[in-house]
Amino acid sequence: MDRDADRRREAVAGQFYPSDPETLRRDVEGMLGTGGDARSAVGVIVPHAGIMYSGACAGRVWGTVRVPPIVVILAPNHTGLTGSSGGVSLWGRGAFDTPLGAVPVAEDVAAAVLERCPLAAHDPLAHLNEHAIEVQLPFLVLRRADVAIVPVVVAWDRWDAAQVLAKALADVVREAGGDVLVAASSDMTHYESATSAAQKDRLALAEIERLDGNALLDVCHREDVSMCGRAPAAVTVEVAR
């Protein structure tokens, strides 16, 4: 096996976040805060724009949740690149490089997801230029140095597919003893006024609070809510439910 081929190199360092390790560490530590009173969670939803835009919000999430040894990160497919016919693209082995060091893939858990989800495939192509997982990693590394990830990119926003992936993930989390966090990497409404965005986001957030992934996808389609990680969020709330 070519282990070097299993290392996913940074694609957006110097664009979405600083490429200089010390600058990145300083910026992210400032956004994380003290990390006190961290709460356990089954799932979280975290934004993935450049850290100069959404880093404060991402830091608030990662700084107040207990980060377990394994985090499954679900992200939308911004690039359209995929080699997975089922639209669930895992990077199933190796590690993701960051300026703060490499983050290993939890290979046993990734393999369990691949085994249980018929829509999933090991698909590095979908990850090569995707930013939505990469921008979460500096926060995770600084919250837990030994964290391992299961990186998943999804290329659809259909409820039938979301249910299949959620069922597989819920089973895998149970088998792992529950000490796994599922994180949906998602921004909310894009390119609208603050008033319009707040109105639309309230509709989506209401369904998230009800743990209704089907209704979340429905309201995003019906009301034109441009939440780019709505499928990852729908999967996450279904896993939590």
Protein backbone atom coordinates (compact mmCIF):
# COMPACT_ATOMS: atom_id res chain seq x y z
CA MET A 1 0.00 0.00 0.00
CA ASP A 2 1.28 3.45 -0.89
CA ARG A 3 0.84 5.29 2.42
CA ASP A 4 1.86 8.59 0.87
CA ALA A 5 -1.13 8.33 -1.47
CA ASP A 6 -3.34 8.04 1.61
CA ARG A 7 -2.29 11.46 2.92
CA ARG A 8 -4.75 14.15 1.97
CA ARG A 9 -2.80 17.39 1.46
CA GLU A 10 -4.13 20.81 2.45
CA ALA A 11 -6.17 22.36 -0.36
CA VAL A 12 -7.20 25.74 1.12
CA ALA A 13 -4.40 26.66 3.55
CA GLY A 14 -3.52 30.29 3.00
CA GLN A 15 -7.00 30.96 1.61
CA PHE A 16 -9.63 29.82 4.11
CA TYR A 17 -7.23 29.96 7.05
CA PRO A 18 -3.58 30.95 7.63
CA SER A 19 -0.97 28.53 6.35
CA ASP A 20 1.60 29.67 8.92
CA PRO A 21 1.32 27.30 11.91
CA GLU A 22 1.93 29.90 14.60
CA THR A 23 -0.51 32.40 13.10
CA LEU A 24 -3.12 29.68 12.68
CA ARG A 25 -2.65 28.44 16.24
CA ARG A 26 -2.96 31.95 17.66
CA ASP A 27 -6.07 32.75 15.64
CA VAL A 28 -7.87 29.49 16.37
CA GLU A 29 -6.99 29.46 20.07
CA GLY A 30 -8.49 32.94 20.32
CA MET A 31 -11.71 31.71 18.69
CA LEU A 32 -11.92 28.59 20.87
CA GLY A 33 -11.76 30.47 24.14
CA THR A 34 -10.98 28.62 27.34
CA GLY A 35 -12.74 25.36 26.48
CA GLY A 36 -14.22 25.25 30.00
CA ASP A 37 -17.55 23.61 30.84
CA ALA A 38 -17.46 21.48 27.67
CA ARG A 39 -20.66 19.52 27.15
CA SER A 40 -21.03 16.06 25.66
CA ALA A 41 -23.06 15.84 22.46
CA VAL A 42 -24.17 13.31 19.90
CA GLY A 43 -23.95 15.77 17.02
CA VAL A 44 -23.05 19.35 16.18
CA ILE A 45 -23.48 21.64 13.19
CA VAL A 46 -20.47 23.88 12.48
CA PRO A 47 -19.92 26.52 9.77
CA HIS A 48 -17.16 26.10 7.20
CA ALA A 49 -16.53 29.46 5.55
CA GLY A 50 -13.09 31.02 5.84
CA ILE A 51 -12.22 31.48 9.49
CA MET A 52 -12.18 35.26 9.07
CA TYR A 53 -15.91 34.97 8.35
CA SER A 54 -17.27 32.06 10.39
CA GLY A 55 -14.36 31.14 12.62
CA ALA A 56 -15.82 32.85 15.68
CA CYS A 57 -18.98 30.76 15.37
CA ALA A 58 -17.04 27.56 14.68
CA GLY A 59 -14.81 28.28 17.67
CA ARG A 60 -17.85 28.73 19.89
CA VAL A 61 -19.11 25.29 18.88
CA TRP A 62 -15.81 23.44 19.15
CA GLY A 63 -14.84 25.33 22.30
CA THR A 64 -17.96 24.29 24.23
CA VAL A 65 -18.40 20.65 23.14
CA ARG A 66 -16.42 17.73 24.52
CA VAL A 67 -14.38 16.31 21.66
CA PRO A 68 -14.21 12.49 21.91
CA PRO A 69 -11.47 10.34 20.36
CA ILE A 70 -13.35 10.00 17.04
CA VAL A 71 -15.29 12.63 15.09
CA VAL A 72 -17.29 11.81 11.97
CA ILE A 73 -17.32 14.95 9.79
CA LEU A 74 -20.10 15.14 7.19
CA ALA A 75 -19.68 17.75 4.48
CA PRO A 76 -21.42 18.76 1.26
CA ASN A 77 -19.72 18.29 -2.08
CA HIS A 78 -18.90 21.81 -3.30
CA THR A 79 -16.74 20.71 -6.23
CA GLY A 80 -19.00 18.18 -7.96
CA LEU A 81 -16.09 15.72 -8.09
CA THR A 82 -16.93 12.18 -7.04
CA GLY A 83 -16.15 8.62 -7.88
CA SER A 84 -18.88 7.21 -5.63
CA SER A 85 -22.00 6.10 -7.47
CA GLY A 86 -23.97 6.32 -4.21
CA GLY A 87 -22.83 9.85 -3.49
CA VAL A 88 -21.30 9.09 -0.06
CA SER A 89 -17.55 9.63 -0.38
CA LEU A 90 -15.25 8.55 2.44
CA TRP A 91 -11.54 9.05 2.75
CA GLY A 92 -11.14 5.68 4.39
CA ARG A 93 -7.50 5.48 5.43
CA GLY A 94 -4.36 7.48 6.10
CA ALA A 95 -4.49 11.05 7.36
CA PHE A 96 -5.43 14.65 6.55
CA ASP A 97 -2.52 17.08 6.66
CA THR A 98 -2.89 20.46 8.37
CA PRO A 99 -0.34 23.19 9.20
CA LEU A 100 -0.69 22.01 12.82
CA GLY A 101 0.09 18.38 12.01
CA ALA A 102 -1.62 15.37 10.46
CA VAL A 103 -5.05 14.21 11.64
CA PRO A 104 -5.38 10.43 11.28
CA VAL A 105 -8.42 8.72 9.81
CA ALA A 106 -10.18 6.37 12.23
CA GLU A 107 -9.79 3.50 9.80
CA ASP A 108 -11.74 0.87 11.74
CA VAL A 109 -14.75 3.15 12.07
CA ALA A 110 -14.48 4.25 8.44
CA ALA A 111 -14.39 0.60 7.38
CA ALA A 112 -17.50 -0.09 9.46
CA VAL A 113 -19.34 2.74 7.72
CA LEU A 114 -18.28 1.44 4.31
CA GLU A 115 -19.51 -2.02 5.26
CA ARG A 116 -22.87 -0.86 6.60
CA CYS A 117 -23.78 1.87 4.10
CA PRO A 118 -24.42 0.66 0.53
CA LEU A 119 -24.17 4.23 -0.75
CA ALA A 120 -20.62 4.71 0.54
CA ALA A 121 -17.26 4.21 -1.14
CA HIS A 122 -13.63 5.10 -0.49
CA ASP A 123 -13.46 8.08 -2.83
CA PRO A 124 -10.43 10.40 -2.51
CA LEU A 125 -11.47 12.37 -5.62
CA ALA A 126 -14.39 13.98 -3.79
CA HIS A 127 -12.04 15.21 -1.05
CA LEU A 128 -9.13 16.63 -3.03
CA ASN A 129 -10.34 20.23 -3.35
CA GLU A 130 -13.15 20.20 -0.77
CA HIS A 131 -12.80 22.79 1.99
CA ALA A 132 -15.71 21.93 4.29
CA ILE A 133 -13.87 19.24 6.24
CA GLU A 134 -10.43 20.79 6.07
CA VAL A 135 -11.43 24.04 7.80
CA GLN A 136 -12.70 22.12 10.84
CA LEU A 137 -9.40 20.38 11.50
CA PRO A 138 -7.38 23.18 13.12
CA PHE A 139 -10.15 23.57 15.70
CA LEU A 140 -10.25 19.83 16.37
CA VAL A 141 -6.48 19.46 16.64
CA LEU A 142 -6.29 22.24 19.22
CA ARG A 143 -9.19 20.82 21.22
CA ARG A 144 -7.87 17.27 21.21
CA ALA A 145 -4.39 16.47 19.95
CA ASP A 146 -5.08 12.75 19.51
CA VAL A 147 -8.40 13.11 17.67
CA ALA A 148 -9.11 10.84 14.69
CA ILE A 149 -11.71 11.55 12.02
CA VAL A 150 -14.03 9.82 9.61
CA PRO A 151 -14.28 12.29 6.69
CA VAL A 152 -17.45 11.96 4.61
CA VAL A 153 -18.58 14.08 1.64
CA VAL A 154 -22.17 13.71 0.40
CA ALA A 155 -23.31 14.69 -3.08
CA TRP A 156 -27.10 14.72 -2.63
CA ASP A 157 -29.79 16.27 -0.44
CA ARG A 158 -32.43 13.53 -0.63
CA TRP A 159 -34.15 12.22 2.48
CA ASP A 160 -34.18 8.59 1.31
CA ALA A 161 -30.38 8.64 0.98
CA ALA A 162 -29.96 10.60 4.20
CA GLN A 163 -31.88 7.92 6.10
CA VAL A 164 -29.66 5.15 4.76
CA LEU A 165 -26.46 6.94 5.80
CA ALA A 166 -27.89 7.99 9.16
CA LYS A 167 -28.93 4.44 10.01
CA ALA A 168 -25.46 3.15 9.20
CA LEU A 169 -23.78 5.88 11.25
CA ALA A 170 -26.09 5.36 14.23
CA ASP A 171 -25.29 1.65 14.23
CA VAL A 172 -21.57 2.33 14.00
CA VAL A 173 -21.70 4.88 16.83
CA ARG A 174 -23.51 2.38 19.06
CA GLU A 175 -20.99 -0.34 18.26
CA ALA A 176 -18.16 2.04 19.12
CA GLY A 177 -19.62 2.53 22.58
CA GLY A 178 -21.14 5.90 21.80
CA ASP A 179 -17.92 7.86 22.24
CA VAL A 180 -18.11 9.29 18.73
CA LEU A 181 -19.22 12.79 17.73
CA VAL A 182 -21.01 13.41 14.43
CA ALA A 183 -20.36 16.89 13.01
CA ALA A 184 -22.21 18.42 10.08
CA SER A 185 -20.10 21.04 8.32
CA SER A 186 -22.62 23.57 7.04
CA ASP A 187 -23.09 27.26 6.50
CA MET A 188 -26.56 28.74 6.66
CA THR A 189 -28.25 31.16 4.22
CA HIS A 190 -25.90 32.68 1.62
CA TYR A 191 -25.82 36.01 -0.21
CA GLU A 192 -29.00 37.56 1.20
CA SER A 193 -29.71 40.46 3.51
CA ALA A 194 -29.34 39.83 7.23
CA THR A 195 -33.11 40.15 7.65
CA SER A 196 -33.92 37.64 4.93
CA ALA A 197 -31.20 35.25 6.07
CA ALA A 198 -32.43 35.33 9.66
CA GLN A 199 -36.00 34.59 8.59
CA LYS A 200 -34.98 31.64 6.43
CA ASP A 201 -32.49 30.29 8.93
CA ARG A 202 -35.15 30.28 11.65
CA LEU A 203 -37.24 27.93 9.49
CA ALA A 204 -34.33 25.50 9.10
CA LEU A 205 -33.21 25.74 12.72
CA ALA A 206 -36.73 24.98 13.95
CA GLU A 207 -36.65 21.62 12.17
CA ILE A 208 -33.15 20.92 13.47
CA GLU A 209 -34.36 21.55 17.01
CA ARG A 210 -37.18 19.06 16.40
CA LEU A 211 -34.62 16.51 15.12
CA ASP A 212 -36.62 16.25 11.90
CA GLY A 213 -34.16 15.80 9.05
CA ASN A 214 -36.90 15.16 6.50
CA ALA A 215 -38.64 18.42 7.37
CA LEU A 216 -35.29 20.24 7.30
CA LEU A 217 -34.65 19.19 3.70
CA ASP A 218 -38.25 19.95 2.78
CA VAL A 219 -38.24 23.49 4.17
CA CYS A 220 -34.86 24.23 2.57
CA HIS A 221 -36.24 23.20 -0.84
CA ARG A 222 -39.63 24.85 -0.40
CA GLU A 223 -38.40 28.17 1.01
CA ASP A 224 -35.15 28.36 -0.97
CA VAL A 225 -32.93 28.21 2.11
CA SER A 226 -29.39 28.13 0.70
CA MET A 227 -27.97 26.09 3.58
CA CYS A 228 -25.17 24.31 1.76
CA GLY A 229 -24.74 21.45 4.22
CA ARG A 230 -28.42 20.70 4.68
CA ALA A 231 -27.94 17.01 3.82
CA PRO A 232 -25.09 16.59 6.34
CA ALA A 233 -27.26 18.39 8.91
CA ALA A 234 -30.26 16.18 8.11
CA VAL A 235 -28.12 13.08 8.55
CA THR A 236 -26.70 14.39 11.81
CA VAL A 237 -30.08 15.15 13.38
CA GLU A 238 -31.37 11.74 12.29
CA VAL A 239 -28.37 10.05 13.92
CA ALA A 240 -29.07 12.07 17.08
CA ARG A 241 -32.77 11.19 17.03
